[in-house]
PDB file of N, CA and C in Angstrom:
ATOM      1  N   MET A   1      42.171  31.488 -21.319  1.00  0.00           N
ATOM      2  CA  MET A   1      43.239  32.433 -21.072  1.00  0.00           C
ATOM      3  C   MET A   1      43.606  32.368 -19.599  1.00  0.00           C
ATOM      4  N   PHE A   2      44.869  32.326 -19.326  1.00  0.00           N
ATOM      5  CA  PHE A   2      45.348  32.296 -17.953  1.00  0.00           C
ATOM      6  C   PHE A   2      45.194  33.675 -17.324  1.00  0.00           C
ATOM      7  N   LYS A   3      44.651  33.719 -16.134  1.00  0.00           N
ATOM      8  CA  LYS A   3      44.500  34.991 -15.435  1.00  0.00           C
ATOM      9  C   LYS A   3      45.167  34.893 -14.079  1.00  0.00           C
ATOM     10  N   THR A   4      45.909  35.907 -13.745  1.00  0.00           N
ATOM     11  CA  THR A   4      46.516  35.936 -12.429  1.00  0.00           C
ATOM     12  C   THR A   4      45.484  36.419 -11.421  1.00  0.00           C
ATOM     13  N   LYS A   5      45.802  36.280 -10.156  1.00  0.00           N
ATOM     14  CA  LYS A   5      44.892  36.739  -9.110  1.00  0.00           C
ATOM     15  C   LYS A   5      44.665  38.237  -9.208  1.00  0.00           C
ATOM     16  N   ILE A   6      45.716  38.981  -9.545  1.00  0.00           N
ATOM     17  CA  ILE A   6      45.587  40.434  -9.657  1.00  0.00           C
ATOM     18  C   ILE A   6      44.651  40.799 -10.796  1.00  0.00           C
ATOM     19  N   GLN A   7      44.781  40.099 -11.933  1.00  0.00           N
ATOM     20  CA  GLN A   7      43.903  40.381 -13.067  1.00  0.00           C
ATOM     21  C   GLN A   7      42.451  40.100 -12.699  1.00  0.00           C
ATOM     22  N   SER A   8      42.215  38.982 -12.046  1.00  0.00           N
ATOM     23  CA  SER A   8      40.860  38.629 -11.656  1.00  0.00           C
ATOM     24  C   SER A   8      40.290  39.648 -10.681  1.00  0.00           C
ATOM     25  N   LEU A   9      41.093  40.063  -9.710  1.00  0.00           N
ATOM     26  CA  LEU A   9      40.658  41.058  -8.742  1.00  0.00           C
ATOM     27  C   LEU A   9      40.333  42.375  -9.434  1.00  0.00           C
ATOM     28  N   PHE A  10      41.174  42.773 -10.382  1.00  0.00           N
ATOM     29  CA  PHE A  10      40.929  44.011 -11.120  1.00  0.00           C
ATOM     30  C   PHE A  10      39.614  43.935 -11.881  1.00  0.00           C
ATOM     31  N   GLU A  11      39.395  42.828 -12.589  1.00  0.00           N
ATOM     32  CA  GLU A  11      38.183  42.694 -13.386  1.00  0.00           C
ATOM     33  C   GLU A  11      36.929  42.737 -12.519  1.00  0.00           C
ATOM     34  N   LYS A  12      36.985  42.148 -11.344  1.00  0.00           N
ATOM     35  CA  LYS A  12      35.820  42.138 -10.449  1.00  0.00           C
ATOM     36  C   LYS A  12      35.513  43.529  -9.912  1.00  0.00           C
ATOM     37  N   ASN A  13      36.553  44.319  -9.645  1.00  0.00           N
ATOM     38  CA  ASN A  13      36.372  45.622  -9.013  1.00  0.00           C
ATOM     39  C   ASN A  13      36.428  46.800  -9.972  1.00  0.00           C
ATOM     40  N   CYS A  14      36.861  46.586 -11.188  1.00  0.00           N
ATOM     41  CA  CYS A  14      37.038  47.680 -12.135  1.00  0.00           C
ATOM     42  C   CYS A  14      35.728  48.399 -12.425  1.00  0.00           C
ATOM     43  N   VAL A  15      34.675  47.672 -12.637  1.00  0.00           N
ATOM     44  CA  VAL A  15      33.397  48.293 -12.977  1.00  0.00           C
ATOM     45  C   VAL A  15      32.971  49.252 -11.875  1.00  0.00           C
ATOM     46  N   VAL A  16      33.127  48.837 -10.655  1.00  0.00           N
ATOM     47  CA  VAL A  16      32.729  49.669  -9.522  1.00  0.00           C
ATOM     48  C   VAL A  16      33.622  50.896  -9.418  1.00  0.00           C
ATOM     49  N   VAL A  17      34.933  50.695  -9.475  1.00  0.00           N
ATOM     50  CA  VAL A  17      35.882  51.795  -9.317  1.00  0.00           C
ATOM     51  C   VAL A  17      35.851  52.724 -10.526  1.00  0.00           C
ATOM     52  N   CYS A  18      35.865  52.162 -11.719  1.00  0.00           N
ATOM     53  CA  CYS A  18      35.969  52.960 -12.938  1.00  0.00           C
ATOM     54  C   CYS A  18      34.767  53.866 -13.167  1.00  0.00           C
ATOM     55  N   GLN A  19      33.597  53.496 -12.693  1.00  0.00           N
ATOM     56  CA  GLN A  19      32.431  54.357 -12.907  1.00  0.00           C
ATOM     57  C   GLN A  19      32.494  55.627 -12.070  1.00  0.00           C
ATOM     58  N   TYR A  20      33.276  55.621 -11.000  1.00  0.00           N
ATOM     59  CA  TYR A  20      33.386  56.798 -10.140  1.00  0.00           C
ATOM     60  C   TYR A  20      34.566  57.694 -10.476  1.00  0.00           C
ATOM     61  N   LEU A  21      35.522  57.224 -11.274  1.00  0.00           N
ATOM     62  CA  LEU A  21      36.715  58.023 -11.581  1.00  0.00           C
ATOM     63  C   LEU A  21      36.375  59.371 -12.225  1.00  0.00           C
ATOM     64  N   PRO A  22      35.504  59.421 -13.261  1.00  0.00           N
ATOM     65  CA  PRO A  22      35.184  60.727 -13.852  1.00  0.00           C
ATOM     66  C   PRO A  22      34.542  61.683 -12.832  1.00  0.00           C
ATOM     67  N   ASN A  23      33.749  61.171 -11.922  1.00  0.00           N
ATOM     68  CA  ASN A  23      33.125  62.017 -10.902  1.00  0.00           C
ATOM     69  C   ASN A  23      34.150  62.603  -9.943  1.00  0.00           C
ATOM     70  N   LEU A  24      35.300  61.949  -9.825  1.00  0.00           N
ATOM     71  CA  LEU A  24      36.361  62.420  -8.941  1.00  0.00           C
ATOM     72  C   LEU A  24      37.385  63.284  -9.676  1.00  0.00           C
ATOM     73  N   GLY A  25      37.127  63.557 -10.952  1.00  0.00           N
ATOM     74  CA  GLY A  25      38.034  64.400 -11.726  1.00  0.00           C
ATOM     75  C   GLY A  25      39.103  63.651 -12.490  1.00  0.00           C
ATOM     76  N   TYR A  26      39.062  62.323 -12.477  1.00  0.00           N
ATOM     77  CA  TYR A  26      40.046  61.522 -13.211  1.00  0.00           C
ATOM     78  C   TYR A  26      39.492  61.148 -14.580  1.00  0.00           C
ATOM     79  N   ALA A  27      40.394  61.009 -15.538  1.00  0.00           N
ATOM     80  CA  ALA A  27      39.991  60.553 -16.867  1.00  0.00           C
ATOM     81  C   ALA A  27      39.639  59.074 -16.812  1.00  0.00           C
ATOM     82  N   GLU A  28      38.843  58.637 -17.765  1.00  0.00           N
ATOM     83  CA  GLU A  28      38.486  57.227 -17.841  1.00  0.00           C
ATOM     84  C   GLU A  28      39.742  56.418 -18.117  1.00  0.00           C
ATOM     85  N   ARG A  29      39.880  55.280 -17.459  1.00  0.00           N
ATOM     86  CA  ARG A  29      41.088  54.458 -17.584  1.00  0.00           C
ATOM     87  C   ARG A  29      41.005  53.507 -18.767  1.00  0.00           C
ATOM     88  N   SER A  30      42.169  53.204 -19.302  1.00  0.00           N
ATOM     89  CA  SER A  30      42.297  52.161 -20.317  1.00  0.00           C
ATOM     90  C   SER A  30      42.991  50.984 -19.656  1.00  0.00           C
ATOM     91  N   HIS A  31      42.649  49.804 -20.083  1.00  0.00           N
ATOM     92  CA  HIS A  31      43.239  48.604 -19.501  1.00  0.00           C
ATOM     93  C   HIS A  31      43.713  47.713 -20.635  1.00  0.00           C
ATOM     94  N   LEU A  32      45.015  47.504 -20.710  1.00  0.00           N
ATOM     95  CA  LEU A  32      45.598  46.652 -21.742  1.00  0.00           C
ATOM     96  C   LEU A  32      46.131  45.380 -21.111  1.00  0.00           C
ATOM     97  N   MET A  33      45.841  44.259 -21.709  1.00  0.00           N
ATOM     98  CA  MET A  33      46.358  42.984 -21.230  1.00  0.00           C
ATOM     99  C   MET A  33      47.214  42.383 -22.338  1.00  0.00           C
ATOM    100  N   ASN A  34      48.385  41.973 -21.986  1.00  0.00           N
ATOM    101  CA  ASN A  34      49.308  41.364 -22.933  1.00  0.00           C
ATOM    102  C   ASN A  34      49.618  39.945 -22.497  1.00  0.00           C
ATOM    103  N   PRO A  35      49.815  39.057 -23.452  1.00  0.00           N
ATOM    104  CA  PRO A  35      50.201  37.702 -23.070  1.00  0.00           C
ATOM    105  C   PRO A  35      51.608  37.697 -22.476  1.00  0.00           C
ATOM    106  N   MET A  36      51.859  36.762 -21.604  1.00  0.00           N
ATOM    107  CA  MET A  36      53.197  36.599 -21.041  1.00  0.00           C
ATOM    108  C   MET A  36      54.079  35.977 -22.124  1.00  0.00           C
ATOM    109  N   VAL A  37      55.206  36.607 -22.396  1.00  0.00           N
ATOM    110  CA  VAL A  37      56.123  36.083 -23.401  1.00  0.00           C
ATOM    111  C   VAL A  37      57.484  35.851 -22.751  1.00  0.00           C
ATOM    112  N   PRO A  38      58.216  34.862 -23.237  1.00  0.00           N
ATOM    113  CA  PRO A  38      59.547  34.626 -22.673  1.00  0.00           C
ATOM    114  C   PRO A  38      60.492  35.759 -23.039  1.00  0.00           C
ATOM    115  N   GLY A  39      61.537  35.898 -22.261  1.00  0.00           N
ATOM    116  CA  GLY A  39      62.546  36.910 -22.531  1.00  0.00           C
ATOM    117  C   GLY A  39      63.429  36.519 -23.699  1.00  0.00           C
ATOM    118  N   LEU A  40      64.189  37.457 -24.177  1.00  0.00           N
ATOM    119  CA  LEU A  40      65.080  37.202 -25.310  1.00  0.00           C
ATOM    120  C   LEU A  40      66.213  36.257 -24.962  1.00  0.00           C
ATOM    121  N   THR A  41      66.478  36.082 -23.676  1.00  0.00           N
ATOM    122  CA  THR A  41      67.571  35.202 -23.258  1.00  0.00           C
ATOM    123  C   THR A  41      67.094  33.766 -23.064  1.00  0.00           C
ATOM    124  N   GLY A  42      65.823  33.490 -23.315  1.00  0.00           N
ATOM    125  CA  GLY A  42      65.284  32.133 -23.220  1.00  0.00           C
ATOM    126  C   GLY A  42      64.568  31.844 -21.923  1.00  0.00           C
ATOM    127  N   GLY A  43      64.773  32.660 -20.929  1.00  0.00           N
ATOM    128  CA  GLY A  43      64.092  32.476 -19.648  1.00  0.00           C
ATOM    129  C   GLY A  43      62.979  33.495 -19.493  1.00  0.00           C
ATOM    130  N   LYS A  44      62.722  33.833 -18.251  1.00  0.00           N
ATOM    131  CA  LYS A  44      61.690  34.809 -17.936  1.00  0.00           C
ATOM    132  C   LYS A  44      62.170  36.215 -18.303  1.00  0.00           C
ATOM    133  N   MET A  45      61.269  37.022 -18.862  1.00  0.00           N
ATOM    134  CA  MET A  45      61.610  38.402 -19.164  1.00  0.00           C
ATOM    135  C   MET A  45      61.691  39.168 -17.848  1.00  0.00           C
ATOM    136  N   SER A  46      62.729  39.946 -17.687  1.00  0.00           N
ATOM    137  CA  SER A  46      62.949  40.640 -16.425  1.00  0.00           C
ATOM    138  C   SER A  46      63.492  42.036 -16.666  1.00  0.00           C
ATOM    139  N   SER A  47      62.951  43.012 -15.945  1.00  0.00           N
ATOM    140  CA  SER A  47      63.450  44.379 -16.099  1.00  0.00           C
ATOM    141  C   SER A  47      64.860  44.517 -15.542  1.00  0.00           C
ATOM    142  N   SER A  48      65.251  43.621 -14.646  1.00  0.00           N
ATOM    143  CA  SER A  48      66.603  43.697 -14.088  1.00  0.00           C
ATOM    144  C   SER A  48      67.644  43.079 -15.022  1.00  0.00           C
ATOM    145  N   GLU A  49      67.210  42.326 -15.999  1.00  0.00           N
ATOM    146  CA  GLU A  49      68.125  41.729 -16.985  1.00  0.00           C
ATOM    147  C   GLU A  49      67.909  42.458 -18.317  1.00  0.00           C
ATOM    148  N   GLU A  50      68.756  43.428 -18.580  1.00  0.00           N
ATOM    149  CA  GLU A  50      68.580  44.349 -19.702  1.00  0.00           C
ATOM    150  C   GLU A  50      68.417  43.640 -21.053  1.00  0.00           C
ATOM    151  N   ASP A  51      69.170  42.580 -21.286  1.00  0.00           N
ATOM    152  CA  ASP A  51      69.121  41.909 -22.587  1.00  0.00           C
ATOM    153  C   ASP A  51      67.950  40.953 -22.747  1.00  0.00           C
ATOM    154  N   SER A  52      67.107  40.809 -21.727  1.00  0.00           N
ATOM    155  CA  SER A  52      65.983  39.885 -21.829  1.00  0.00           C
ATOM    156  C   SER A  52      64.724  40.548 -22.363  1.00  0.00           C
ATOM    157  N   LYS A  53      64.757  41.864 -22.559  1.00  0.00           N
ATOM    158  CA  LYS A  53      63.535  42.576 -22.961  1.00  0.00           C
ATOM    159  C   LYS A  53      63.826  43.605 -24.040  1.00  0.00           C
ATOM    160  N   ILE A  54      62.771  44.000 -24.735  1.00  0.00           N
ATOM    161  CA  ILE A  54      62.842  45.075 -25.714  1.00  0.00           C
ATOM    162  C   ILE A  54      62.019  46.225 -25.155  1.00  0.00           C
ATOM    163  N   ASP A  55      62.670  47.350 -24.957  1.00  0.00           N
ATOM    164  CA  ASP A  55      61.981  48.542 -24.476  1.00  0.00           C
ATOM    165  C   ASP A  55      61.438  49.340 -25.653  1.00  0.00           C
ATOM    166  N   LEU A  56      60.337  50.021 -25.442  1.00  0.00           N
ATOM    167  CA  LEU A  56      59.770  50.857 -26.496  1.00  0.00           C
ATOM    168  C   LEU A  56      60.721  51.978 -26.891  1.00  0.00           C
ATOM    169  N   LEU A  57      61.584  52.377 -25.974  1.00  0.00           N
ATOM    170  CA  LEU A  57      62.509  53.476 -26.241  1.00  0.00           C
ATOM    171  C   LEU A  57      63.885  53.015 -26.693  1.00  0.00           C
ATOM    172  N   ASP A  58      64.076  51.724 -26.939  1.00  0.00           N
ATOM    173  CA  ASP A  58      65.358  51.222 -27.438  1.00  0.00           C
ATOM    174  C   ASP A  58      65.649  51.798 -28.820  1.00  0.00           C
ATOM    175  N   SER A  59      66.891  52.177 -29.031  1.00  0.00           N
ATOM    176  CA  SER A  59      67.303  52.660 -30.352  1.00  0.00           C
ATOM    177  C   SER A  59      67.490  51.465 -31.285  1.00  0.00           C
ATOM    178  N   ALA A  60      67.595  51.749 -32.570  1.00  0.00           N
ATOM    179  CA  ALA A  60      67.808  50.676 -33.547  1.00  0.00           C
ATOM    180  C   ALA A  60      69.093  49.892 -33.257  1.00  0.00           C
ATOM    181  N   PRO A  61      70.213  50.558 -32.933  1.00  0.00           N
ATOM    182  CA  PRO A  61      71.425  49.798 -32.605  1.00  0.00           C
ATOM    183  C   PRO A  61      71.260  48.927 -31.345  1.00  0.00           C
ATOM    184  N   GLN A  62      70.552  49.434 -30.333  1.00  0.00           N
ATOM    185  CA  GLN A  62      70.313  48.633 -29.120  1.00  0.00           C
ATOM    186  C   GLN A  62      69.469  47.408 -29.452  1.00  0.00           C
ATOM    187  N   LEU A  63      68.442  47.613 -30.254  1.00  0.00           N
ATOM    188  CA  LEU A  63      67.566  46.510 -30.647  1.00  0.00           C
ATOM    189  C   LEU A  63      68.333  45.463 -31.443  1.00  0.00           C
ATOM    190  N   LYS A  64      69.158  45.902 -32.371  1.00  0.00           N
ATOM    191  CA  LYS A  64      69.956  44.979 -33.178  1.00  0.00           C
ATOM    192  C   LYS A  64      70.892  44.154 -32.294  1.00  0.00           C
ATOM    193  N   LYS A  65      71.524  44.819 -31.320  1.00  0.00           N
ATOM    194  CA  LYS A  65      72.435  44.136 -30.400  1.00  0.00           C
ATOM    195  C   LYS A  65      71.690  43.071 -29.587  1.00  0.00           C
ATOM    196  N   LYS A  66      70.513  43.413 -29.085  1.00  0.00           N
ATOM    197  CA  LYS A  66      69.736  42.474 -28.271  1.00  0.00           C
ATOM    198  C   LYS A  66      69.271  41.287 -29.109  1.00  0.00           C
ATOM    199  N   LEU A  67      68.824  41.546 -30.330  1.00  0.00           N
ATOM    200  CA  LEU A  67      68.342  40.457 -31.187  1.00  0.00           C
ATOM    201  C   LEU A  67      69.466  39.522 -31.610  1.00  0.00           C
ATOM    202  N   LYS A  68      70.659  40.064 -31.834  1.00  0.00           N
ATOM    203  CA  LYS A  68      71.804  39.210 -32.201  1.00  0.00           C
ATOM    204  C   LYS A  68      72.203  38.280 -31.062  1.00  0.00           C
ATOM    205  N   LYS A  69      72.016  38.729 -29.816  1.00  0.00           N
ATOM    206  CA  LYS A  69      72.381  37.926 -28.651  1.00  0.00           C
ATOM    207  C   LYS A  69      71.226  37.034 -28.164  1.00  0.00           C
ATOM    208  N   ALA A  70      70.059  37.170 -28.766  1.00  0.00           N
ATOM    209  CA  ALA A  70      68.871  36.464 -28.282  1.00  0.00           C
ATOM    210  C   ALA A  70      68.974  34.951 -28.461  1.00  0.00           C
ATOM    211  N   PHE A  71      68.325  34.242 -27.544  1.00  0.00           N
ATOM    212  CA  PHE A  71      68.234  32.788 -27.592  1.00  0.00           C
ATOM    213  C   PHE A  71      67.225  32.415 -28.666  1.00  0.00           C
ATOM    214  N   CYS A  72      67.650  31.632 -29.648  1.00  0.00           N
ATOM    215  CA  CYS A  72      66.743  31.219 -30.724  1.00  0.00           C
ATOM    216  C   CYS A  72      67.175  29.838 -31.211  1.00  0.00           C
ATOM    217  N   GLU A  73      66.881  28.831 -30.408  1.00  0.00           N
ATOM    218  CA  GLU A  73      67.270  27.457 -30.713  1.00  0.00           C
ATOM    219  C   GLU A  73      66.333  26.868 -31.765  1.00  0.00           C
ATOM    220  N   PRO A  74      66.865  26.283 -32.826  1.00  0.00           N
ATOM    221  CA  PRO A  74      66.017  25.670 -33.853  1.00  0.00           C
ATOM    222  C   PRO A  74      65.097  24.609 -33.249  1.00  0.00           C
ATOM    223  N   GLY A  75      63.829  24.685 -33.561  1.00  0.00           N
ATOM    224  CA  GLY A  75      62.851  23.712 -33.086  1.00  0.00           C
ATOM    225  C   GLY A  75      62.259  24.024 -31.728  1.00  0.00           C
ATOM    226  N   ASN A  76      62.828  24.948 -30.986  1.00  0.00           N
ATOM    227  CA  ASN A  76      62.319  25.304 -29.662  1.00  0.00           C
ATOM    228  C   ASN A  76      61.356  26.482 -29.801  1.00  0.00           C
ATOM    229  N   ILE A  77      60.073  26.185 -29.685  1.00  0.00           N
ATOM    230  CA  ILE A  77      59.082  27.262 -29.810  1.00  0.00           C
ATOM    231  C   ILE A  77      58.507  27.671 -28.456  1.00  0.00           C
ATOM    232  N   GLU A  78      58.860  26.953 -27.408  1.00  0.00           N
ATOM    233  CA  GLU A  78      58.321  27.251 -26.079  1.00  0.00           C
ATOM    234  C   GLU A  78      59.026  28.422 -25.413  1.00  0.00           C
ATOM    235  N   ASN A  79      60.338  28.449 -25.438  1.00  0.00           N
ATOM    236  CA  ASN A  79      61.112  29.480 -24.744  1.00  0.00           C
ATOM    237  C   ASN A  79      61.819  30.411 -25.722  1.00  0.00           C
ATOM    238  N   ASN A  80      61.207  30.634 -26.865  1.00  0.00           N
ATOM    239  CA  ASN A  80      61.820  31.440 -27.905  1.00  0.00           C
ATOM    240  C   ASN A  80      61.224  32.846 -27.865  1.00  0.00           C
ATOM    241  N   GLY A  81      61.951  33.772 -27.253  1.00  0.00           N
ATOM    242  CA  GLY A  81      61.460  35.138 -27.105  1.00  0.00           C
ATOM    243  C   GLY A  81      61.253  35.858 -28.419  1.00  0.00           C
ATOM    244  N   ILE A  82      62.069  35.544 -29.417  1.00  0.00           N
ATOM    245  CA  ILE A  82      61.925  36.199 -30.722  1.00  0.00           C
ATOM    246  C   ILE A  82      60.607  35.789 -31.382  1.00  0.00           C
ATOM    247  N   LEU A  83      60.310  34.499 -31.371  1.00  0.00           N
ATOM    248  CA  LEU A  83      59.045  34.045 -31.963  1.00  0.00           C
ATOM    249  C   LEU A  83      57.845  34.619 -31.201  1.00  0.00           C
ATOM    250  N   ALA A  84      57.944  34.643 -29.876  1.00  0.00           N
ATOM    251  CA  ALA A  84      56.843  35.178 -29.066  1.00  0.00           C
ATOM    252  C   ALA A  84      56.641  36.664 -29.346  1.00  0.00           C
ATOM    253  N   PHE A  85      57.732  37.421 -29.494  1.00  0.00           N
ATOM    254  CA  PHE A  85      57.635  38.849 -29.789  1.00  0.00           C
ATOM    255  C   PHE A  85      56.985  39.065 -31.153  1.00  0.00           C
ATOM    256  N   CYS A  86      57.376  38.265 -32.131  1.00  0.00           N
ATOM    257  CA  CYS A  86      56.771  38.375 -33.464  1.00  0.00           C
ATOM    258  C   CYS A  86      55.276  38.085 -33.405  1.00  0.00           C
ATOM    259  N   LYS A  87      54.909  37.009 -32.723  1.00  0.00           N
ATOM    260  CA  LYS A  87      53.506  36.611 -32.635  1.00  0.00           C
ATOM    261  C   LYS A  87      52.659  37.640 -31.873  1.00  0.00           C
ATOM    262  N   SER A  88      53.199  38.173 -30.777  1.00  0.00           N
ATOM    263  CA  SER A  88      52.414  39.052 -29.914  1.00  0.00           C
ATOM    264  C   SER A  88      52.477  40.527 -30.280  1.00  0.00           C
ATOM    265  N   VAL A  89      53.530  40.944 -30.980  1.00  0.00           N
ATOM    266  CA  VAL A  89      53.698  42.371 -31.264  1.00  0.00           C
ATOM    267  C   VAL A  89      53.750  42.651 -32.768  1.00  0.00           C
ATOM    268  N   LEU A  90      54.717  42.065 -33.455  1.00  0.00           N
ATOM    269  CA  LEU A  90      54.927  42.421 -34.856  1.00  0.00           C
ATOM    270  C   LEU A  90      53.789  41.992 -35.776  1.00  0.00           C
ATOM    271  N   PHE A  91      53.326  40.756 -35.638  1.00  0.00           N
ATOM    272  CA  PHE A  91      52.252  40.293 -36.512  1.00  0.00           C
ATOM    273  C   PHE A  91      50.962  41.087 -36.313  1.00  0.00           C
ATOM    274  N   PRO A  92      50.525  41.331 -35.055  1.00  0.00           N
ATOM    275  CA  PRO A  92      49.329  42.163 -34.882  1.00  0.00           C
ATOM    276  C   PRO A  92      49.516  43.588 -35.429  1.00  0.00           C
ATOM    277  N   LEU A  93      50.708  44.164 -35.257  1.00  0.00           N
ATOM    278  CA  LEU A  93      50.946  45.506 -35.800  1.00  0.00           C
ATOM    279  C   LEU A  93      50.922  45.514 -37.317  1.00  0.00           C
ATOM    280  N   SER A  94      51.390  44.430 -37.938  1.00  0.00           N
ATOM    281  CA  SER A  94      51.399  44.379 -39.399  1.00  0.00           C
ATOM    282  C   SER A  94      49.981  44.348 -39.966  1.00  0.00           C
ATOM    283  N   LYS A  95      49.021  43.908 -39.172  1.00  0.00           N
ATOM    284  CA  LYS A  95      47.622  43.867 -39.622  1.00  0.00           C
ATOM    285  C   LYS A  95      46.992  45.259 -39.684  1.00  0.00           C
ATOM    286  N   THR A  96      47.641  46.259 -39.082  1.00  0.00           N
ATOM    287  CA  THR A  96      47.104  47.619 -39.121  1.00  0.00           C
ATOM    288  C   THR A  96      47.376  48.283 -40.453  1.00  0.00           C
ATOM    289  N   GLY A  97      48.224  47.679 -41.273  1.00  0.00           N
ATOM    290  CA  GLY A  97      48.521  48.242 -42.600  1.00  0.00           C
ATOM    291  C   GLY A  97      49.253  49.571 -42.537  1.00  0.00           C
ATOM    292  N   GLY A  98      50.006  49.786 -41.487  1.00  0.00           N
ATOM    293  CA  GLY A  98      50.762  51.017 -41.361  1.00  0.00           C
ATOM    294  C   GLY A  98      49.961  52.171 -40.781  1.00  0.00           C
ATOM    295  N   LYS A  99      48.677  51.941 -40.473  1.00  0.00           N
ATOM    296  CA  LYS A  99      47.855  52.998 -39.890  1.00  0.00           C
ATOM    297  C   LYS A  99      48.205  53.161 -38.413  1.00  0.00           C
ATOM    298  N   LYS A 100      48.107  54.370 -37.934  1.00  0.00           N
ATOM    299  CA  LYS A 100      48.341  54.608 -36.518  1.00  0.00           C
ATOM    300  C   LYS A 100      47.195  54.018 -35.714  1.00  0.00           C
ATOM    301  N   LEU A 101      47.550  53.449 -34.574  1.00  0.00           N
ATOM    302  CA  LEU A 101      46.518  52.904 -33.713  1.00  0.00           C
ATOM    303  C   LEU A 101      45.858  54.057 -32.953  1.00  0.00           C
ATOM    304  N   GLY A 102      44.645  53.863 -32.509  1.00  0.00           N
ATOM    305  CA  GLY A 102      43.863  54.926 -31.886  1.00  0.00           C
ATOM    306  C   GLY A 102      44.180  55.194 -30.438  1.00  0.00           C
ATOM    307  N   PHE A 103      45.426  55.248 -30.061  1.00  0.00           N
ATOM    308  CA  PHE A 103      45.781  55.615 -28.697  1.00  0.00           C
ATOM    309  C   PHE A 103      47.068  56.374 -28.662  1.00  0.00           C
TER     310      PHE A 103
END
């Protein structure tokens, strides 16, 4: 798995920092790591490019509009944001069988 410098730094220091958080009045932290996926426009996903990403708060019409405009070239599996989204989000969620996740 590819790790960025920030991820590596966090992993090295998390044990030390996280054990003291409850003593300081903070709740225990959760740490989620997601794979890097291409944007819907075929390039890098960017918060400054609205149509390159799917927000959790997007409405159904917004999502439909973004998916219709998404880059999805036949045979291109490297820069295909739709396939990456399905693999990283939809398929894992479908394995829950409709049950709510524990967070």
